[in-house]
């Protein structure tokens, strides 16, 4: 059975998937060399007090590994999860997490040829959403759209308002767009990460990955509202005061300002 399907493939319950996307230059080189792609998956979970003895030096309980070799083509890849070990829930705290890394399979070259996004977060996120992992050649000098020259990128933006409801006291939400199609930040008490595309003032954010720390209910509500609006954003602008305005429509927006040095 093929592991790569078209972008519109339906997601069956329990399946974890990612979409692989390649720059024009990397796709051409991989095709010319008949090179393939290697996905490396590491599963882990935070330990409960009873499970501390099972944790490794990172402080997490390892749950196994998977390696998957697929053709170098854009499409949806179903992740096997064969290496995911079962564990007594009493030993764990929070959801099963996965780190997914992508590189060339070294069929044609002993060195990795690709610089790709990675995913680290709840395995359930990959079951509920198909995250896109973008790949370019290492040292590829192409810019993605107009990312490198935009006022948006390369800054830490601290969120001041989400849809007119502000930000809860003592909570920090932030965003950073790195100029290479990757977004990172803080939702409140959880870290977020994902991809974005930019064309002039048009901004689109892909499905957002998030850590899964338990937070007070008002903070979790703020995180849900913030990430939902972020995924629906269609434009950005910098106003006359220097504030970043991310908008989906007149009532759906995020306001942030550049972080100041402390």
Protein backbone atom coordinates (compact mmCIF):
# COMPACT_ATOMS: atom_id res chain seq x y z
CA UNK A 1 0.00 0.00 0.00
CA UNK A 2 1.32 3.44 -0.93
CA UNK A 3 2.30 5.67 1.96
CA UNK A 4 1.92 8.88 -0.05
CA UNK A 5 -1.50 10.18 -0.99
CA UNK A 6 -2.75 13.37 -2.57
CA UNK A 7 -3.24 16.50 -0.42
CA UNK A 8 -6.99 15.93 -0.26
CA UNK A 9 -6.80 12.45 1.26
CA UNK A 10 -9.21 11.79 4.12
CA UNK A 11 -7.73 11.29 7.59
CA UNK A 12 -8.90 8.09 9.26
CA UNK A 13 -9.31 8.01 13.03
CA UNK A 14 -6.08 7.08 14.80
CA UNK A 15 -3.85 7.71 11.79
CA UNK A 16 -1.03 10.23 12.15
CA UNK A 17 0.03 12.07 9.03
CA UNK A 18 2.29 14.83 7.79
CA UNK A 19 2.45 16.55 4.42
CA UNK A 20 5.88 16.78 2.80
CA UNK A 21 6.49 19.84 0.61
CA UNK A 22 9.65 20.55 -1.38
CA UNK A 23 11.07 23.71 -2.89
CA UNK A 24 11.41 23.68 -6.67
CA UNK A 25 15.20 23.44 -6.44
CA UNK A 26 15.22 20.59 -3.93
CA UNK A 27 12.53 18.65 -5.83
CA UNK A 28 14.56 18.89 -9.05
CA UNK A 29 17.77 17.68 -7.43
CA UNK A 30 16.11 14.83 -5.53
CA UNK A 31 14.40 13.63 -8.71
CA UNK A 32 17.58 13.82 -10.78
CA UNK A 33 19.43 11.69 -8.22
CA UNK A 34 16.56 9.25 -7.54
CA UNK A 35 16.96 10.24 -3.90
CA UNK A 36 14.38 9.32 -1.28
CA UNK A 37 13.20 10.81 2.01
CA UNK A 38 13.74 9.45 5.53
CA UNK A 39 11.34 10.35 8.35
CA UNK A 40 12.63 9.64 11.85
CA UNK A 41 10.07 9.51 14.65
CA UNK A 42 10.81 9.41 18.38
CA UNK A 43 7.96 8.91 20.86
CA UNK A 44 8.07 10.00 24.50
CA UNK A 45 5.87 11.09 27.39
CA UNK A 46 6.28 13.09 30.58
CA UNK A 47 6.44 10.93 33.72
CA UNK A 48 4.03 11.11 36.63
CA UNK A 49 5.55 11.00 40.13
CA UNK A 50 5.16 7.20 40.01
CA UNK A 51 6.91 7.05 36.65
CA UNK A 52 10.02 9.08 37.46
CA UNK A 53 12.17 5.95 37.57
CA UNK A 54 11.32 5.28 33.90
CA UNK A 55 12.54 8.70 32.70
CA UNK A 56 15.82 9.11 30.82
CA UNK A 57 18.35 11.94 31.11
CA UNK A 58 15.99 14.30 29.26
CA UNK A 59 13.42 13.85 32.00
CA UNK A 60 10.96 12.06 29.67
CA UNK A 61 9.95 8.42 29.29
CA UNK A 62 11.02 7.12 25.82
CA UNK A 63 8.32 5.08 24.08
CA UNK A 64 10.14 3.92 20.96
CA UNK A 65 11.17 4.94 17.46
CA UNK A 66 10.08 4.60 13.86
CA UNK A 67 11.98 5.21 10.62
CA UNK A 68 10.13 5.50 7.35
CA UNK A 69 11.65 5.80 3.85
CA UNK A 70 9.38 7.26 1.15
CA UNK A 71 9.70 8.70 -2.36
CA UNK A 72 10.81 12.33 -2.62
CA UNK A 73 7.53 13.82 -3.72
CA UNK A 74 5.03 16.28 -2.31
CA UNK A 75 2.12 14.53 -0.63
CA UNK A 76 0.60 13.22 2.57
CA UNK A 77 2.61 10.56 4.40
CA UNK A 78 0.92 8.17 6.82
CA UNK A 79 3.17 7.58 9.83
CA UNK A 80 3.42 3.91 10.89
CA UNK A 81 3.45 4.20 14.72
CA UNK A 82 4.67 0.58 14.80
CA UNK A 83 7.47 1.45 17.20
CA UNK A 84 5.20 3.16 19.75
CA UNK A 85 5.22 1.12 22.95
CA UNK A 86 2.27 0.85 25.32
CA UNK A 87 2.71 2.17 28.86
CA UNK A 88 0.70 2.13 32.08
CA UNK A 89 -1.16 5.50 32.19
CA UNK A 90 -0.42 5.73 35.91
CA UNK A 91 3.25 6.27 35.00
CA UNK A 92 2.58 9.18 32.66
CA UNK A 93 1.58 12.82 32.82
CA UNK A 94 0.05 14.38 29.73
CA UNK A 95 -0.23 13.08 26.17
CA UNK A 96 2.16 10.95 24.14
CA UNK A 97 4.58 13.27 22.32
CA UNK A 98 6.46 12.74 19.08
CA UNK A 99 9.50 14.32 17.46
CA UNK A 100 9.36 14.00 13.67
CA UNK A 101 12.48 14.84 11.65
CA UNK A 102 12.90 14.74 7.88
CA UNK A 103 16.04 14.37 5.78
CA UNK A 104 17.28 12.75 2.60
CA UNK A 105 17.66 8.97 2.82
CA UNK A 106 21.31 9.11 1.64
CA UNK A 107 20.61 6.82 -1.31
CA UNK A 108 22.70 8.93 -3.69
CA UNK A 109 24.89 10.89 -1.28
CA UNK A 110 26.41 10.02 2.10
CA UNK A 111 25.42 13.46 3.44
CA UNK A 112 21.95 14.78 4.14
CA UNK A 113 20.88 17.14 1.34
CA UNK A 114 17.88 18.78 2.97
CA UNK A 115 17.00 21.48 5.47
CA UNK A 116 13.46 20.58 6.59
CA UNK A 117 10.93 21.65 9.18
CA UNK A 118 10.44 19.33 12.13
CA UNK A 119 7.50 18.65 14.41
CA UNK A 120 7.62 18.16 18.18
CA UNK A 121 4.38 17.98 20.09
CA UNK A 122 1.40 15.81 20.91
CA UNK A 123 0.97 12.76 18.68
CA UNK A 124 -2.75 13.51 18.78
CA UNK A 125 -2.05 16.76 16.89
CA UNK A 126 -0.83 14.71 13.92
CA UNK A 127 -3.93 12.53 14.18
CA UNK A 128 -6.25 15.54 14.19
CA UNK A 129 -4.36 17.76 11.72
CA UNK A 130 -2.04 17.13 8.79
CA UNK A 131 1.00 19.31 9.53
CA UNK A 132 3.10 20.43 6.56
CA UNK A 133 6.89 19.97 6.78
CA UNK A 134 8.72 22.08 4.19
CA UNK A 135 12.09 21.06 2.77
CA UNK A 136 14.71 23.06 0.89
CA UNK A 137 18.29 22.20 -0.03
CA UNK A 138 20.89 22.94 2.63
CA UNK A 139 22.28 26.42 1.92
CA UNK A 140 19.59 27.06 -0.68
CA UNK A 141 19.54 30.81 -1.22
CA UNK A 142 16.00 31.12 -2.54
CA UNK A 143 13.68 33.25 -0.47
CA UNK A 144 10.16 31.98 0.07
CA UNK A 145 8.04 34.73 -1.45
CA UNK A 146 9.14 38.01 0.15
CA UNK A 147 9.84 36.64 3.60
CA UNK A 148 13.42 37.81 4.11
CA UNK A 149 12.73 41.52 3.52
CA UNK A 150 9.47 41.90 5.41
CA UNK A 151 9.02 44.02 8.54
CA UNK A 152 7.24 41.01 9.98
CA UNK A 153 10.15 38.62 10.26
CA UNK A 154 13.10 38.33 12.61
CA UNK A 155 11.38 39.98 15.58
CA UNK A 156 9.79 38.74 18.79
CA UNK A 157 6.21 40.05 18.85
CA UNK A 158 4.48 40.20 22.25
CA UNK A 159 0.70 39.94 21.98
CA UNK A 160 -1.34 42.76 23.53
CA UNK A 161 -4.85 41.93 22.34
CA UNK A 162 -6.78 39.00 20.90
CA UNK A 163 -10.11 39.91 19.27
CA UNK A 164 -10.68 42.82 21.67
CA UNK A 165 -10.39 40.63 24.77
CA UNK A 166 -6.83 41.51 25.72
CA UNK A 167 -4.46 38.98 27.31
CA UNK A 168 -4.97 37.51 30.82
CA UNK A 169 -2.89 39.08 33.60
CA UNK A 170 0.56 37.53 34.08
CA UNK A 171 0.26 35.66 30.77
CA UNK A 172 2.69 36.15 27.89
CA UNK A 173 1.71 35.28 24.34
CA UNK A 174 4.28 35.88 21.63
CA UNK A 175 5.13 35.16 18.00
CA UNK A 176 8.24 35.02 15.86
CA UNK A 177 8.36 34.61 12.07
CA UNK A 178 11.84 33.51 11.08
CA UNK A 179 11.95 34.49 7.39
CA UNK A 180 12.13 30.85 6.22
CA UNK A 181 8.49 29.88 6.60
CA UNK A 182 8.65 28.82 10.26
CA UNK A 183 6.68 30.39 13.09
CA UNK A 184 7.29 29.85 16.80
CA UNK A 185 5.95 31.45 19.94
CA UNK A 186 4.11 31.13 23.23
CA UNK A 187 0.35 30.76 23.49
CA UNK A 188 0.18 31.38 27.24
CA UNK A 189 1.74 28.54 29.18
CA UNK A 190 2.36 26.35 26.11
CA UNK A 191 4.83 26.77 23.25
CA UNK A 192 3.48 26.86 19.70
CA UNK A 193 5.07 26.25 16.32
CA UNK A 194 4.02 25.91 12.71
CA UNK A 195 4.57 27.08 9.16
CA UNK A 196 3.50 30.23 7.34
CA UNK A 197 3.48 31.70 3.85
CA UNK A 198 3.73 35.37 2.98
CA UNK A 199 2.97 37.24 -0.22
CA UNK A 200 3.12 41.00 0.23
CA UNK A 201 0.66 41.74 3.04
CA UNK A 202 -1.13 38.39 2.63
CA UNK A 203 -0.23 36.03 5.47
CA UNK A 204 -1.36 32.43 5.95
CA UNK A 205 -0.48 30.30 8.98
CA UNK A 206 -0.65 26.50 8.74
CA UNK A 207 -1.96 24.11 11.39
CA UNK A 208 -0.33 24.97 14.70
CA UNK A 209 1.49 22.45 16.86
CA UNK A 210 1.50 23.00 20.62
CA UNK A 211 2.94 21.50 23.76
CA UNK A 212 0.32 20.16 26.15
CA UNK A 213 1.01 21.55 29.62
CA UNK A 214 -2.01 21.87 31.89
CA UNK A 215 -2.88 25.51 32.57
CA UNK A 216 -5.55 27.37 34.56
CA UNK A 217 -8.87 27.38 32.71
CA UNK A 218 -8.81 31.11 31.77
CA UNK A 219 -5.34 30.66 30.24
CA UNK A 220 -6.42 27.58 28.29
CA UNK A 221 -9.43 29.50 26.95
CA UNK A 222 -7.10 32.33 25.89
CA UNK A 223 -4.72 29.85 24.20
CA UNK A 224 -7.59 28.25 22.27
CA UNK A 225 -8.89 31.65 21.13
CA UNK A 226 -5.40 32.90 20.21
CA UNK A 227 -4.40 29.83 18.16
CA UNK A 228 -7.80 29.60 16.41
CA UNK A 229 -7.54 33.22 15.26
CA UNK A 230 -3.89 32.78 14.31
CA UNK A 231 -4.79 29.87 12.01
CA UNK A 232 -7.49 32.02 10.34
CA UNK A 233 -5.32 35.11 9.72
CA UNK A 234 -5.24 36.32 6.11
CA UNK A 235 -3.37 39.65 6.26
CA UNK A 236 -0.89 41.59 8.36
CA UNK A 237 0.07 45.24 8.66
CA UNK A 238 2.24 47.45 10.83
CA UNK A 239 0.30 50.53 12.01
CA UNK A 240 1.63 54.04 12.60
CA UNK A 241 2.53 53.18 16.22
CA UNK A 242 4.60 50.15 15.20
CA UNK A 243 2.00 47.60 16.31
CA UNK A 244 1.63 44.39 14.31
CA UNK A 245 -1.99 43.73 13.32
CA UNK A 246 -2.86 40.21 12.18
CA UNK A 247 -6.38 40.08 10.74
CA UNK A 248 -8.89 37.55 9.52
CA UNK A 249 -11.74 40.10 9.51
CA UNK A 250 -12.74 43.26 11.37
CA UNK A 251 -13.69 41.34 14.52
CA UNK A 252 -11.03 38.63 14.32
CA UNK A 253 -7.57 40.03 14.93
CA UNK A 254 -4.39 39.90 17.00
CA UNK A 255 -2.39 42.95 18.05
CA UNK A 256 1.27 42.59 19.05
CA UNK A 257 4.35 44.76 19.52
CA UNK A 258 8.05 44.09 19.25
CA UNK A 259 9.55 42.88 22.50
CA UNK A 260 11.77 45.43 24.21
CA UNK A 261 15.13 44.58 25.70
CA UNK A 262 15.01 44.20 29.46
